Amino acid sequence: MRSVVLGALAAAFVTVGVASPAMAVDRTCYDGYFCVYKDLNFSTGNSMYRFNYSDNDWSSGESAIYHADSSWRNFYSRTANVCDYGSFGINKTMAVLGDGWELSYSSSWNDKGEGHKWSTC
C-alpha cells in the first residue's frame, strides 16, 4: 500500500511539472518606460525593448533595434529623444517624444535609431 501511495504522489508531481504552460514574452509598454519596437505599429511579434533609463547606444545590449527601430512609445516622465549619430560626429535628434506620446511609424526615421537620451542627441 505504501508503494502505491508513493507512486501516486510521484506521478502527480511529474504531471504538474509537465503540464505547466510556457511563459509568454511580455512586450507591453508600461507606465514609467520608453519603448522601442522593431516593427511598425507597436507590433509585439518581434523585438521590443523597454527602458526606464537613458541609453545612447543600442548597438551592444539592444542590437535587435539598432538601425532596426520602427515604432516608439514614451510613457516615461521625461521627454525621449531618439538619436542618429550619423557619420563624422554629426548628431541628429530624429524623434522627440514627450511623456504619453507615441509614433507608430515614420518613413523618415525607420531603421535609423542608434540610441535615446532624455536630452538632445
PDB file of N, CA and C in Angstrom:
ATOM      1  N   MET A   1       0.827  -1.194   0.000  1.00  0.00           N
ATOM      2  CA  MET A   1       0.000   0.000   0.000  1.00  0.00           C
ATOM      3  C   MET A   1       0.872   1.259   0.000  1.00  0.00           C
ATOM      4  N   ARG A   2       1.935   1.221   0.786  1.00  0.00           N
ATOM      5  CA  ARG A   2       2.833   2.352   0.885  1.00  0.00           C
ATOM      6  C   ARG A   2       3.459   2.689  -0.481  1.00  0.00           C
ATOM      7  N   SER A   3       3.869   1.679  -1.232  1.00  0.00           N
ATOM      8  CA  SER A   3       4.472   1.916  -2.541  1.00  0.00           C
ATOM      9  C   SER A   3       3.461   2.469  -3.541  1.00  0.00           C
ATOM     10  N   VAL A   4       2.196   2.097  -3.398  1.00  0.00           N
ATOM     11  CA  VAL A   4       1.142   2.619  -4.279  1.00  0.00           C
ATOM     12  C   VAL A   4       0.943   4.104  -4.027  1.00  0.00           C
ATOM     13  N   VAL A   5       0.924   4.519  -2.742  1.00  0.00           N
ATOM     14  CA  VAL A   5       0.748   5.924  -2.388  1.00  0.00           C
ATOM     15  C   VAL A   5       1.953   6.737  -2.878  1.00  0.00           C
ATOM     16  N   LEU A   6       3.147   6.264  -2.664  1.00  0.00           N
ATOM     17  CA  LEU A   6       4.342   6.966  -3.126  1.00  0.00           C
ATOM     18  C   LEU A   6       4.365   7.071  -4.649  1.00  0.00           C
ATOM     19  N   GLY A   7       3.967   6.000  -5.315  1.00  0.00           N
ATOM     20  CA  GLY A   7       3.897   6.010  -6.772  1.00  0.00           C
ATOM     21  C   GLY A   7       2.880   7.020  -7.273  1.00  0.00           C
ATOM     22  N   ALA A   8       1.732   7.125  -6.610  1.00  0.00           N
ATOM     23  CA  ALA A   8       0.698   8.087  -6.993  1.00  0.00           C
ATOM     24  C   ALA A   8       1.181   9.516  -6.776  1.00  0.00           C
ATOM     25  N   LEU A   9       1.867   9.765  -5.659  1.00  0.00           N
ATOM     26  CA  LEU A   9       2.412  11.096  -5.393  1.00  0.00           C
ATOM     27  C   LEU A   9       3.468  11.479  -6.431  1.00  0.00           C
ATOM     28  N   ALA A  10       4.322  10.559  -6.769  1.00  0.00           N
ATOM     29  CA  ALA A  10       5.358  10.815  -7.769  1.00  0.00           C
ATOM     30  C   ALA A  10       4.729  11.109  -9.127  1.00  0.00           C
ATOM     31  N   ALA A  11       3.712  10.357  -9.497  1.00  0.00           N
ATOM     32  CA  ALA A  11       3.024  10.572 -10.767  1.00  0.00           C
ATOM     33  C   ALA A  11       2.342  11.945 -10.788  1.00  0.00           C
ATOM     34  N   ALA A  12       1.730  12.344  -9.671  1.00  0.00           N
ATOM     35  CA  ALA A  12       1.075  13.646  -9.587  1.00  0.00           C
ATOM     36  C   ALA A  12       2.102  14.766  -9.721  1.00  0.00           C
ATOM     37  N   PHE A  13       3.247  14.625  -9.080  1.00  0.00           N
ATOM     38  CA  PHE A  13       4.301  15.633  -9.151  1.00  0.00           C
ATOM     39  C   PHE A  13       4.822  15.787 -10.581  1.00  0.00           C
ATOM     40  N   VAL A  14       5.062  14.682 -11.235  1.00  0.00           N
ATOM     41  CA  VAL A  14       5.553  14.717 -12.617  1.00  0.00           C
ATOM     42  C   VAL A  14       4.506  15.341 -13.532  1.00  0.00           C
ATOM     43  N   THR A  15       3.253  15.025 -13.343  1.00  0.00           N
ATOM     44  CA  THR A  15       2.180  15.565 -14.172  1.00  0.00           C
ATOM     45  C   THR A  15       2.104  17.081 -14.025  1.00  0.00           C
ATOM     46  N   VAL A  16       2.201  17.578 -12.788  1.00  0.00           N
ATOM     47  CA  VAL A  16       2.152  19.021 -12.559  1.00  0.00           C
ATOM     48  C   VAL A  16       3.341  19.690 -13.233  1.00  0.00           C
ATOM     49  N   GLY A  17       4.530  19.121 -13.117  1.00  0.00           N
ATOM     50  CA  GLY A  17       5.724  19.691 -13.728  1.00  0.00           C
ATOM     51  C   GLY A  17       5.633  19.746 -15.241  1.00  0.00           C
ATOM     52  N   VAL A  18       5.060  18.745 -15.856  1.00  0.00           N
ATOM     53  CA  VAL A  18       4.956  18.688 -17.309  1.00  0.00           C
ATOM     54  C   VAL A  18       3.833  19.588 -17.820  1.00  0.00           C
ATOM     55  N   ALA A  19       2.774  19.735 -17.042  1.00  0.00           N
ATOM     56  CA  ALA A  19       1.587  20.449 -17.505  1.00  0.00           C
ATOM     57  C   ALA A  19       1.716  21.968 -17.447  1.00  0.00           C
ATOM     58  N   SER A  20       2.740  22.506 -16.800  1.00  0.00           N
ATOM     59  CA  SER A  20       2.827  23.957 -16.681  1.00  0.00           C
ATOM     60  C   SER A  20       3.092  24.594 -18.048  1.00  0.00           C
ATOM     61  N   PRO A  21       2.353  25.658 -18.373  1.00  0.00           N
ATOM     62  CA  PRO A  21       2.487  26.286 -19.694  1.00  0.00           C
ATOM     63  C   PRO A  21       3.793  27.068 -19.812  1.00  0.00           C
ATOM     64  N   ALA A  22       4.256  27.252 -21.036  1.00  0.00           N
ATOM     65  CA  ALA A  22       5.452  28.048 -21.297  1.00  0.00           C
ATOM     66  C   ALA A  22       5.134  29.516 -21.034  1.00  0.00           C
ATOM     67  N   MET A  23       6.096  30.245 -20.547  1.00  0.00           N
ATOM     68  CA  MET A  23       5.899  31.667 -20.266  1.00  0.00           C
ATOM     69  C   MET A  23       5.909  32.458 -21.582  1.00  0.00           C
ATOM     70  N   ALA A  24       4.912  33.290 -21.749  1.00  0.00           N
ATOM     71  CA  ALA A  24       4.839  34.136 -22.944  1.00  0.00           C
ATOM     72  C   ALA A  24       5.749  35.353 -22.752  1.00  0.00           C
ATOM     73  N   VAL A  25       6.284  35.881 -23.826  1.00  0.00           N
ATOM     74  CA  VAL A  25       7.132  37.066 -23.765  1.00  0.00           C
ATOM     75  C   VAL A  25       6.229  38.288 -23.599  1.00  0.00           C
ATOM     76  N   ASP A  26       6.515  39.098 -22.593  1.00  0.00           N
ATOM     77  CA  ASP A  26       5.727  40.296 -22.308  1.00  0.00           C
ATOM     78  C   ASP A  26       6.305  41.474 -23.088  1.00  0.00           C
ATOM     79  N   ARG A  27       5.560  41.987 -24.039  1.00  0.00           N
ATOM     80  CA  ARG A  27       6.011  43.124 -24.845  1.00  0.00           C
ATOM     81  C   ARG A  27       5.078  44.325 -24.662  1.00  0.00           C
ATOM     82  N   THR A  28       4.617  44.510 -23.433  1.00  0.00           N
ATOM     83  CA  THR A  28       3.758  45.627 -23.092  1.00  0.00           C
ATOM     84  C   THR A  28       4.616  46.821 -22.686  1.00  0.00           C
ATOM     85  N   CYS A  29       4.248  48.000 -23.111  1.00  0.00           N
ATOM     86  CA  CYS A  29       4.947  49.204 -22.691  1.00  0.00           C
ATOM     87  C   CYS A  29       4.184  49.772 -21.493  1.00  0.00           C
ATOM     88  N   TYR A  30       4.785  49.662 -20.322  1.00  0.00           N
ATOM     89  CA  TYR A  30       4.139  50.072 -19.079  1.00  0.00           C
ATOM     90  C   TYR A  30       4.443  51.527 -18.753  1.00  0.00           C
ATOM     91  N   ASP A  31       3.634  52.113 -17.859  1.00  0.00           N
ATOM     92  CA  ASP A  31       3.917  53.450 -17.345  1.00  0.00           C
ATOM     93  C   ASP A  31       5.314  53.458 -16.739  1.00  0.00           C
ATOM     94  N   GLY A  32       6.047  54.528 -16.975  1.00  0.00           N
ATOM     95  CA  GLY A  32       7.396  54.649 -16.449  1.00  0.00           C
ATOM     96  C   GLY A  32       8.470  54.136 -17.392  1.00  0.00           C
ATOM     97  N   TYR A  33       8.087  53.845 -18.656  1.00  0.00           N
ATOM     98  CA  TYR A  33       9.053  53.298 -19.616  1.00  0.00           C
ATOM     99  C   TYR A  33       8.982  54.008 -20.967  1.00  0.00           C
ATOM    100  N   PHE A  34      10.123  54.029 -21.624  1.00  0.00           N
ATOM    101  CA  PHE A  34      10.224  54.406 -23.030  1.00  0.00           C
ATOM    102  C   PHE A  34      10.438  53.096 -23.786  1.00  0.00           C
ATOM    103  N   CYS A  35       9.639  52.837 -24.818  1.00  0.00           N
ATOM    104  CA  CYS A  35       9.683  51.552 -25.511  1.00  0.00           C
ATOM    105  C   CYS A  35       9.974  51.742 -26.995  1.00  0.00           C
ATOM    106  N   VAL A  36      10.793  50.845 -27.509  1.00  0.00           N
ATOM    107  CA  VAL A  36      11.177  50.871 -28.920  1.00  0.00           C
ATOM    108  C   VAL A  36      10.836  49.510 -29.513  1.00  0.00           C
ATOM    109  N   TYR A  37      10.148  49.517 -30.641  1.00  0.00           N
ATOM    110  CA  TYR A  37       9.711  48.293 -31.309  1.00  0.00           C
ATOM    111  C   TYR A  37      10.448  48.127 -32.630  1.00  0.00           C
ATOM    112  N   LYS A  38      10.818  46.927 -32.938  1.00  0.00           N
ATOM    113  CA  LYS A  38      11.488  46.633 -34.211  1.00  0.00           C
ATOM    114  C   LYS A  38      10.531  46.836 -35.378  1.00  0.00           C
ATOM    115  N   ASP A  39       9.260  46.511 -35.192  1.00  0.00           N
ATOM    116  CA  ASP A  39       8.265  46.602 -36.260  1.00  0.00           C
ATOM    117  C   ASP A  39       7.364  47.824 -36.078  1.00  0.00           C
ATOM    118  N   LEU A  40       6.730  48.231 -37.159  1.00  0.00           N
ATOM    119  CA  LEU A  40       5.820  49.357 -37.105  1.00  0.00           C
ATOM    120  C   LEU A  40       4.538  48.996 -36.359  1.00  0.00           C
ATOM    121  N   ASN A  41       3.795  50.010 -35.993  1.00  0.00           N
ATOM    122  CA  ASN A  41       2.512  49.880 -35.294  1.00  0.00           C
ATOM    123  C   ASN A  41       2.614  49.135 -33.971  1.00  0.00           C
ATOM    124  N   PHE A  42       3.766  49.240 -33.305  1.00  0.00           N
ATOM    125  CA  PHE A  42       3.976  48.636 -31.986  1.00  0.00           C
ATOM    126  C   PHE A  42       3.723  47.138 -31.994  1.00  0.00           C
ATOM    127  N   SER A  43       4.055  46.495 -33.088  1.00  0.00           N
ATOM    128  CA  SER A  43       3.826  45.061 -33.218  1.00  0.00           C
ATOM    129  C   SER A  43       4.589  44.307 -32.136  1.00  0.00           C
ATOM    130  N   THR A  44       3.914  43.363 -31.520  1.00  0.00           N
ATOM    131  CA  THR A  44       4.532  42.558 -30.467  1.00  0.00           C
ATOM    132  C   THR A  44       5.048  41.236 -31.011  1.00  0.00           C
ATOM    133  N   GLY A  45       5.055  41.077 -32.336  1.00  0.00           N
ATOM    134  CA  GLY A  45       5.516  39.839 -32.943  1.00  0.00           C
ATOM    135  C   GLY A  45       7.021  39.768 -33.133  1.00  0.00           C
ATOM    136  N   ASN A  46       7.734  40.836 -32.782  1.00  0.00           N
ATOM    137  CA  ASN A  46       9.174  40.864 -32.981  1.00  0.00           C
ATOM    138  C   ASN A  46       9.823  41.544 -31.781  1.00  0.00           C
ATOM    139  N   SER A  47      11.081  41.912 -31.881  1.00  0.00           N
ATOM    140  CA  SER A  47      11.820  42.506 -30.768  1.00  0.00           C
ATOM    141  C   SER A  47      11.212  43.818 -30.305  1.00  0.00           C
ATOM    142  N   MET A  48      11.286  44.024 -28.995  1.00  0.00           N
ATOM    143  CA  MET A  48      10.834  45.258 -28.360  1.00  0.00           C
ATOM    144  C   MET A  48      11.679  45.445 -27.115  1.00  0.00           C
ATOM    145  N   TYR A  49      12.074  46.681 -26.842  1.00  0.00           N
ATOM    146  CA  TYR A  49      12.863  46.973 -25.649  1.00  0.00           C
ATOM    147  C   TYR A  49      12.171  48.037 -24.820  1.00  0.00           C
ATOM    148  N   ARG A  50      12.217  47.856 -23.524  1.00  0.00           N
ATOM    149  CA  ARG A  50      11.599  48.734 -22.543  1.00  0.00           C
ATOM    150  C   ARG A  50      12.732  49.386 -21.736  1.00  0.00           C
ATOM    151  N   PHE A  51      12.724  50.719 -21.654  1.00  0.00           N
ATOM    152  CA  PHE A  51      13.782  51.437 -20.939  1.00  0.00           C
ATOM    153  C   PHE A  51      13.186  52.322 -19.855  1.00  0.00           C
ATOM    154  N   ASN A  52      13.805  52.346 -18.697  1.00  0.00           N
ATOM    155  CA  ASN A  52      13.493  53.359 -17.690  1.00  0.00           C
ATOM    156  C   ASN A  52      14.773  54.131 -17.368  1.00  0.00           C
ATOM    157  N   TYR A  53      15.662  54.173 -18.341  1.00  0.00           N
ATOM    158  CA  TYR A  53      16.935  54.874 -18.247  1.00  0.00           C
ATOM    159  C   TYR A  53      17.319  55.353 -19.650  1.00  0.00           C
ATOM    160  N   SER A  54      18.219  56.311 -19.709  1.00  0.00           N
ATOM    161  CA  SER A  54      18.721  56.805 -20.984  1.00  0.00           C
ATOM    162  C   SER A  54      19.783  55.842 -21.506  1.00  0.00           C
ATOM    163  N   ASP A  55      19.701  55.465 -22.767  1.00  0.00           N
ATOM    164  CA  ASP A  55      20.688  54.563 -23.365  1.00  0.00           C
ATOM    165  C   ASP A  55      21.075  55.126 -24.733  1.00  0.00           C
ATOM    166  N   ASN A  56      22.204  55.803 -24.778  1.00  0.00           N
ATOM    167  CA  ASN A  56      22.580  56.478 -26.014  1.00  0.00           C
ATOM    168  C   ASN A  56      23.257  55.576 -27.033  1.00  0.00           C
ATOM    169  N   ASP A  57      23.369  54.275 -26.745  1.00  0.00           N
ATOM    170  CA  ASP A  57      23.990  53.361 -27.713  1.00  0.00           C
ATOM    171  C   ASP A  57      23.324  51.983 -27.648  1.00  0.00           C
ATOM    172  N   TRP A  58      22.472  51.711 -28.620  1.00  0.00           N
ATOM    173  CA  TRP A  58      21.767  50.430 -28.668  1.00  0.00           C
ATOM    174  C   TRP A  58      22.585  49.333 -29.346  1.00  0.00           C
ATOM    175  N   SER A  59      23.759  49.635 -29.854  1.00  0.00           N
ATOM    176  CA  SER A  59      24.500  48.683 -30.690  1.00  0.00           C
ATOM    177  C   SER A  59      24.908  47.403 -29.975  1.00  0.00           C
ATOM    178  N   SER A  60      25.122  47.452 -28.680  1.00  0.00           N
ATOM    179  CA  SER A  60      25.569  46.226 -27.998  1.00  0.00           C
ATOM    180  C   SER A  60      24.424  45.525 -27.274  1.00  0.00           C
ATOM    181  N   GLY A  61      23.823  46.149 -26.289  1.00  0.00           N
ATOM    182  CA  GLY A  61      22.794  45.493 -25.487  1.00  0.00           C
ATOM    183  C   GLY A  61      21.449  45.336 -26.162  1.00  0.00           C
ATOM    184  N   GLU A  62      21.137  46.210 -27.067  1.00  0.00           N
ATOM    185  CA  GLU A  62      19.838  46.191 -27.746  1.00  0.00           C
ATOM    186  C   GLU A  62      20.026  46.114 -29.258  1.00  0.00           C
ATOM    187  N   SER A  63      20.910  45.242 -29.688  1.00  0.00           N
ATOM    188  CA  SER A  63      21.290  45.185 -31.107  1.00  0.00           C
ATOM    189  C   SER A  63      20.124  44.857 -32.043  1.00  0.00           C
ATOM    190  N   ALA A  64      19.069  44.249 -31.541  1.00  0.00           N
ATOM    191  CA  ALA A  64      17.927  43.909 -32.402  1.00  0.00           C
ATOM    192  C   ALA A  64      17.188  45.152 -32.896  1.00  0.00           C
ATOM    193  N   ILE A  65      17.337  46.287 -32.198  1.00  0.00           N
ATOM    194  CA  ILE A  65      16.674  47.509 -32.655  1.00  0.00           C
ATOM    195  C   ILE A  65      17.659  48.558 -33.154  1.00  0.00           C
ATOM    196  N   TYR A  66      18.958  48.320 -33.043  1.00  0.00           N
ATOM    197  CA  TYR A  66      19.964  49.252 -33.541  1.00  0.00           C
ATOM    198  C   TYR A  66      19.862  49.299 -35.068  1.00  0.00           C
ATOM    199  N   HIS A  67      19.515  50.467 -35.597  1.00  0.00           N
ATOM    200  CA  HIS A  67      19.252  50.648 -37.038  1.00  0.00           C
ATOM    201  C   HIS A  67      18.134  49.715 -37.512  1.00  0.00           C
ATOM    202  N   ALA A  68      17.242  49.341 -36.613  1.00  0.00           N
ATOM    203  CA  ALA A  68      16.119  48.466 -36.973  1.00  0.00           C
ATOM    204  C   ALA A  68      14.870  48.835 -36.174  1.00  0.00           C
ATOM    205  N   ASP A  69      14.751  50.084 -35.765  1.00  0.00           N
ATOM    206  CA  ASP A  69      13.610  50.555 -34.981  1.00  0.00           C
ATOM    207  C   ASP A  69      12.539  51.118 -35.907  1.00  0.00           C
ATOM    208  N   SER A  70      11.283  50.836 -35.583  1.00  0.00           N
ATOM    209  CA  SER A  70      10.200  51.281 -36.469  1.00  0.00           C
ATOM    210  C   SER A  70       9.051  51.976 -35.764  1.00  0.00           C
ATOM    211  N   SER A  71       8.881  51.776 -34.454  1.00  0.00           N
ATOM    212  CA  SER A  71       7.841  52.497 -33.721  1.00  0.00           C
ATOM    213  C   SER A  71       8.299  52.712 -32.282  1.00  0.00           C
ATOM    214  N   TRP A  72       7.777  53.795 -31.684  1.00  0.00           N
ATOM    215  CA  TRP A  72       8.271  54.243 -30.395  1.00  0.00           C
ATOM    216  C   TRP A  72       7.117  54.705 -29.518  1.00  0.00           C
ATOM    217  N   ARG A  73       7.210  54.429 -28.212  1.00  0.00           N
ATOM    218  CA  ARG A  73       6.224  54.891 -27.226  1.00  0.00           C
ATOM    219  C   ARG A  73       6.980  55.459 -26.037  1.00  0.00           C
ATOM    220  N   ASN A  74       6.492  56.571 -25.513  1.00  0.00           N
ATOM    221  CA  ASN A  74       7.118  57.140 -24.329  1.00  0.00           C
ATOM    222  C   ASN A  74       6.090  57.302 -23.216  1.00  0.00           C
ATOM    223  N   PHE A  75       6.185  56.448 -22.216  1.00  0.00           N
ATOM    224  CA  PHE A  75       5.348  56.553 -21.027  1.00  0.00           C
ATOM    225  C   PHE A  75       6.213  56.879 -19.820  1.00  0.00           C
ATOM    226  N   TYR A  76       7.398  57.457 -20.094  1.00  0.00           N
ATOM    227  CA  TYR A  76       8.323  57.873 -19.044  1.00  0.00           C
ATOM    228  C   TYR A  76       8.040  59.341 -18.718  1.00  0.00           C
ATOM    229  N   SER A  77       8.417  59.795 -17.549  1.00  0.00           N
ATOM    230  CA  SER A  77       8.086  61.153 -17.104  1.00  0.00           C
ATOM    231  C   SER A  77       8.964  62.244 -17.725  1.00  0.00           C
ATOM    232  N   ARG A  78       9.858  61.876 -18.627  1.00  0.00           N
ATOM    233  CA  ARG A  78      10.723  62.850 -19.293  1.00  0.00           C
ATOM    234  C   ARG A  78      10.596  62.702 -20.804  1.00  0.00           C
ATOM    235  N   THR A  79      11.001  63.720 -21.529  1.00  0.00           N
ATOM    236  CA  THR A  79      10.986  63.681 -22.989  1.00  0.00           C
ATOM    237  C   THR A  79      12.116  62.786 -23.490  1.00  0.00           C
ATOM    238  N   ALA A  80      11.780  61.899 -24.411  1.00  0.00           N
ATOM    239  CA  ALA A  80      12.773  60.990 -25.003  1.00  0.00           C
ATOM    240  C   ALA A  80      13.159  61.500 -26.379  1.00  0.00           C
ATOM    241  N   ASN A  81      14.449  61.482 -26.652  1.00  0.00           N
ATOM    242  CA  ASN A  81      14.988  61.872 -27.955  1.00  0.00           C
ATOM    243  C   ASN A  81      15.625  60.648 -28.588  1.00  0.00           C
ATOM    244  N   VAL A  82      15.124  60.226 -29.745  1.00  0.00           N
ATOM    245  CA  VAL A  82      15.719  59.101 -30.462  1.00  0.00           C
ATOM    246  C   VAL A  82      16.848  59.666 -31.311  1.00  0.00           C
ATOM    247  N   CYS A  83      18.040  59.061 -31.196  1.00  0.00           N
ATOM    248  CA  CYS A  83      19.252  59.633 -31.789  1.00  0.00           C
ATOM    249  C   CYS A  83      19.763  58.847 -32.995  1.00  0.00           C
ATOM    250  N   ASP A  84      20.264  59.602 -33.959  1.00  0.00           N
ATOM    251  CA  ASP A  84      21.013  59.067 -35.090  1.00  0.00           C
ATOM    252  C   ASP A  84      22.331  59.829 -35.092  1.00  0.00           C
ATOM    253  N   TYR A  85      23.409  59.154 -34.766  1.00  0.00           N
ATOM    254  CA  TYR A  85      24.696  59.838 -34.622  1.00  0.00           C
ATOM    255  C   TYR A  85      25.378  60.094 -35.949  1.00  0.00           C
ATOM    256  N   GLY A  86      24.946  59.444 -36.986  1.00  0.00           N
ATOM    257  CA  GLY A  86      25.454  59.716 -38.322  1.00  0.00           C
ATOM    258  C   GLY A  86      26.953  59.549 -38.449  1.00  0.00           C
ATOM    259  N   SER A  87      27.463  60.023 -39.548  1.00  0.00           N
ATOM    260  CA  SER A  87      28.904  59.943 -39.785  1.00  0.00           C
ATOM    261  C   SER A  87      29.562  61.288 -39.478  1.00  0.00           C
ATOM    262  N   PHE A  88      30.818  61.264 -39.250  1.00  0.00           N
ATOM    263  CA  PHE A  88      31.618  62.457 -38.984  1.00  0.00           C
ATOM    264  C   PHE A  88      31.169  63.204 -37.730  1.00  0.00           C
ATOM    265  N   GLY A  89      30.590  62.484 -36.762  1.00  0.00           N
ATOM    266  CA  GLY A  89      30.217  63.098 -35.495  1.00  0.00           C
ATOM    267  C   GLY A  89      29.043  64.048 -35.554  1.00  0.00           C
ATOM    268  N   ILE A  90      28.250  63.973 -36.612  1.00  0.00           N
ATOM    269  CA  ILE A  90      27.083  64.839 -36.736  1.00  0.00           C
ATOM    270  C   ILE A  90      25.893  64.130 -36.082  1.00  0.00           C
ATOM    271  N   ASN A  91      25.497  64.616 -34.923  1.00  0.00           N
ATOM    272  CA  ASN A  91      24.396  64.007 -34.181  1.00  0.00           C
ATOM    273  C   ASN A  91      23.071  64.615 -34.603  1.00  0.00           C
ATOM    274  N   LYS A  92      22.092  63.765 -34.769  1.00  0.00           N
ATOM    275  CA  LYS A  92      20.759  64.228 -35.125  1.00  0.00           C
ATOM    276  C   LYS A  92      19.743  63.645 -34.155  1.00  0.00           C
ATOM    277  N   THR A  93      18.825  64.480 -33.715  1.00  0.00           N
ATOM    278  CA  THR A  93      17.678  64.006 -32.966  1.00  0.00           C
ATOM    279  C   THR A  93      16.604  63.714 -33.994  1.00  0.00           C
ATOM    280  N   MET A  94      16.254  62.442 -34.122  1.00  0.00           N
ATOM    281  CA  MET A  94      15.254  62.063 -35.123  1.00  0.00           C
ATOM    282  C   MET A  94      13.846  62.303 -34.617  1.00  0.00           C
ATOM    283  N   ALA A  95      13.559  61.825 -33.428  1.00  0.00           N
ATOM    284  CA  ALA A  95      12.215  61.921 -32.880  1.00  0.00           C
ATOM    285  C   ALA A  95      12.290  62.500 -31.481  1.00  0.00           C
ATOM    286  N   VAL A  96      11.339  63.342 -31.144  1.00  0.00           N
ATOM    287  CA  VAL A  96      11.210  63.884 -29.802  1.00  0.00           C
ATOM    288  C   VAL A  96       9.823  63.482 -29.321  1.00  0.00           C
ATOM    289  N   LEU A  97       9.802  62.662 -28.281  1.00  0.00           N
ATOM    290  CA  LEU A  97       8.531  62.137 -27.781  1.00  0.00           C
ATOM    291  C   LEU A  97       8.351  62.532 -26.322  1.00  0.00           C
ATOM    292  N   GLY A  98       7.380  63.398 -26.077  1.00  0.00           N
ATOM    293  CA  GLY A  98       7.056  63.784 -24.709  1.00  0.00           C
ATOM    294  C   GLY A  98       6.361  62.645 -23.990  1.00  0.00           C
ATOM    295  N   ASP A  99       6.180  62.784 -22.691  1.00  0.00           N
ATOM    296  CA  ASP A  99       5.503  61.761 -21.892  1.00  0.00           C
ATOM    297  C   ASP A  99       4.087  61.535 -22.425  1.00  0.00           C
ATOM    298  N   GLY A 100       3.774  60.287 -22.728  1.00  0.00           N
ATOM    299  CA  GLY A 100       2.467  59.922 -23.260  1.00  0.00           C
ATOM    300  C   GLY A 100       2.393  59.942 -24.776  1.00  0.00           C
ATOM    301  N   TRP A 101       3.465  60.332 -25.446  1.00  0.00           N
ATOM    302  CA  TRP A 101       3.483  60.388 -26.905  1.00  0.00           C
ATOM    303  C   TRP A 101       3.933  59.059 -27.476  1.00  0.00           C
ATOM    304  N   GLU A 102       3.447  58.772 -28.651  1.00  0.00           N
ATOM    305  CA  GLU A 102       3.863  57.565 -29.361  1.00  0.00           C
ATOM    306  C   GLU A 102       3.840  57.832 -30.860  1.00  0.00           C
ATOM    307  N   LEU A 103       4.649  57.081 -31.563  1.00  0.00           N
ATOM    308  CA  LEU A 103       4.737  57.211 -33.019  1.00  0.00           C
ATOM    309  C   LEU A 103       4.777  55.807 -33.594  1.00  0.00           C
ATOM    310  N   SER A 104       3.740  55.464 -34.358  1.00  0.00           N
ATOM    311  CA  SER A 104       3.613  54.095 -34.861  1.00  0.00           C
ATOM    312  C   SER A 104       4.513  53.804 -36.052  1.00  0.00           C
ATOM    313  N   TYR A 105       4.956  54.868 -36.762  1.00  0.00           N
ATOM    314  CA  TYR A 105       5.856  54.670 -37.904  1.00  0.00           C
ATOM    315  C   TYR A 105       6.226  56.025 -38.484  1.00  0.00           C
ATOM    316  N   SER A 106       7.423  56.127 -39.003  1.00  0.00           N
ATOM    317  CA  SER A 106       7.856  57.298 -39.753  1.00  0.00           C
ATOM    318  C   SER A 106       8.806  56.822 -40.838  1.00  0.00           C
ATOM    319  N   SER A 107       8.464  57.061 -42.079  1.00  0.00           N
ATOM    320  CA  SER A 107       9.345  56.622 -43.171  1.00  0.00           C
ATOM    321  C   SER A 107      10.694  57.342 -43.103  1.00  0.00           C
ATOM    322  N   SER A 108      10.727  58.558 -42.575  1.00  0.00           N
ATOM    323  CA  SER A 108      11.981  59.301 -42.456  1.00  0.00           C
ATOM    324  C   SER A 108      12.902  58.736 -41.383  1.00  0.00           C
ATOM    325  N   TRP A 109      12.346  58.152 -40.346  1.00  0.00           N
ATOM    326  CA  TRP A 109      13.135  57.688 -39.209  1.00  0.00           C
ATOM    327  C   TRP A 109      13.255  56.181 -39.136  1.00  0.00           C
ATOM    328  N   ASN A 110      12.528  55.462 -39.951  1.00  0.00           N
ATOM    329  CA  ASN A 110      12.514  53.999 -39.883  1.00  0.00           C
ATOM    330  C   ASN A 110      13.925  53.414 -40.025  1.00  0.00           C
ATOM    331  N   ASP A 111      14.267  52.540 -39.110  1.00  0.00           N
ATOM    332  CA  ASP A 111      15.541  51.795 -39.120  1.00  0.00           C
ATOM    333  C   ASP A 111      16.779  52.690 -39.070  1.00  0.00           C
ATOM    334  N   LYS A 112      16.691  53.827 -38.388  1.00  0.00           N
ATOM    335  CA  LYS A 112      17.838  54.731 -38.299  1.00  0.00           C
ATOM    336  C   LYS A 112      18.290  54.991 -36.878  1.00  0.00           C
ATOM    337  N   GLY A 113      17.513  54.574 -35.869  1.00  0.00           N
ATOM    338  CA  GLY A 113      17.839  54.876 -34.483  1.00  0.00           C
ATOM    339  C   GLY A 113      19.085  54.159 -33.995  1.00  0.00           C
ATOM    340  N   GLU A 114      19.886  54.884 -33.205  1.00  0.00           N
ATOM    341  CA  GLU A 114      21.112  54.317 -32.636  1.00  0.00           C
ATOM    342  C   GLU A 114      21.108  54.371 -31.118  1.00  0.00           C
ATOM    343  N   GLY A 115      20.154  55.082 -30.538  1.00  0.00           N
ATOM    344  CA  GLY A 115      20.061  55.203 -29.096  1.00  0.00           C
ATOM    345  C   GLY A 115      19.029  56.240 -28.728  1.00  0.00           C
ATOM    346  N   HIS A 116      18.879  56.493 -27.432  1.00  0.00           N
ATOM    347  CA  HIS A 116      17.965  57.541 -26.988  1.00  0.00           C
ATOM    348  C   HIS A 116      18.530  58.227 -25.742  1.00  0.00           C
ATOM    349  N   LYS A 117      18.141  59.483 -25.573  1.00  0.00           N
ATOM    350  CA  LYS A 117      18.585  60.284 -24.446  1.00  0.00           C
ATOM    351  C   LYS A 117      17.396  61.071 -23.916  1.00  0.00           C
ATOM    352  N   TRP A 118      17.506  61.519 -22.671  1.00  0.00           N
ATOM    353  CA  TRP A 118      16.479  62.396 -22.106  1.00  0.00           C
ATOM    354  C   TRP A 118      16.768  63.842 -22.502  1.00  0.00           C
ATOM    355  N   SER A 119      17.942  64.110 -23.035  1.00  0.00           N
ATOM    356  CA  SER A 119      18.293  65.431 -23.548  1.00  0.00           C
ATOM    357  C   SER A 119      18.529  65.312 -25.060  1.00  0.00           C
ATOM    358  N   THR A 120      18.842  66.408 -25.709  1.00  0.00           N
ATOM    359  CA  THR A 120      19.070  66.330 -27.153  1.00  0.00           C
ATOM    360  C   THR A 120      20.268  65.460 -27.475  1.00  0.00           C
ATOM    361  N   CYS A 121      20.284  64.914 -28.670  1.00  0.00           N
ATOM    362  CA  CYS A 121      21.346  63.978 -29.087  1.00  0.00           C
ATOM    363  C   CYS A 121      22.644  64.692 -29.407  1.00  0.00           C
TER     364      CYS A 121
END
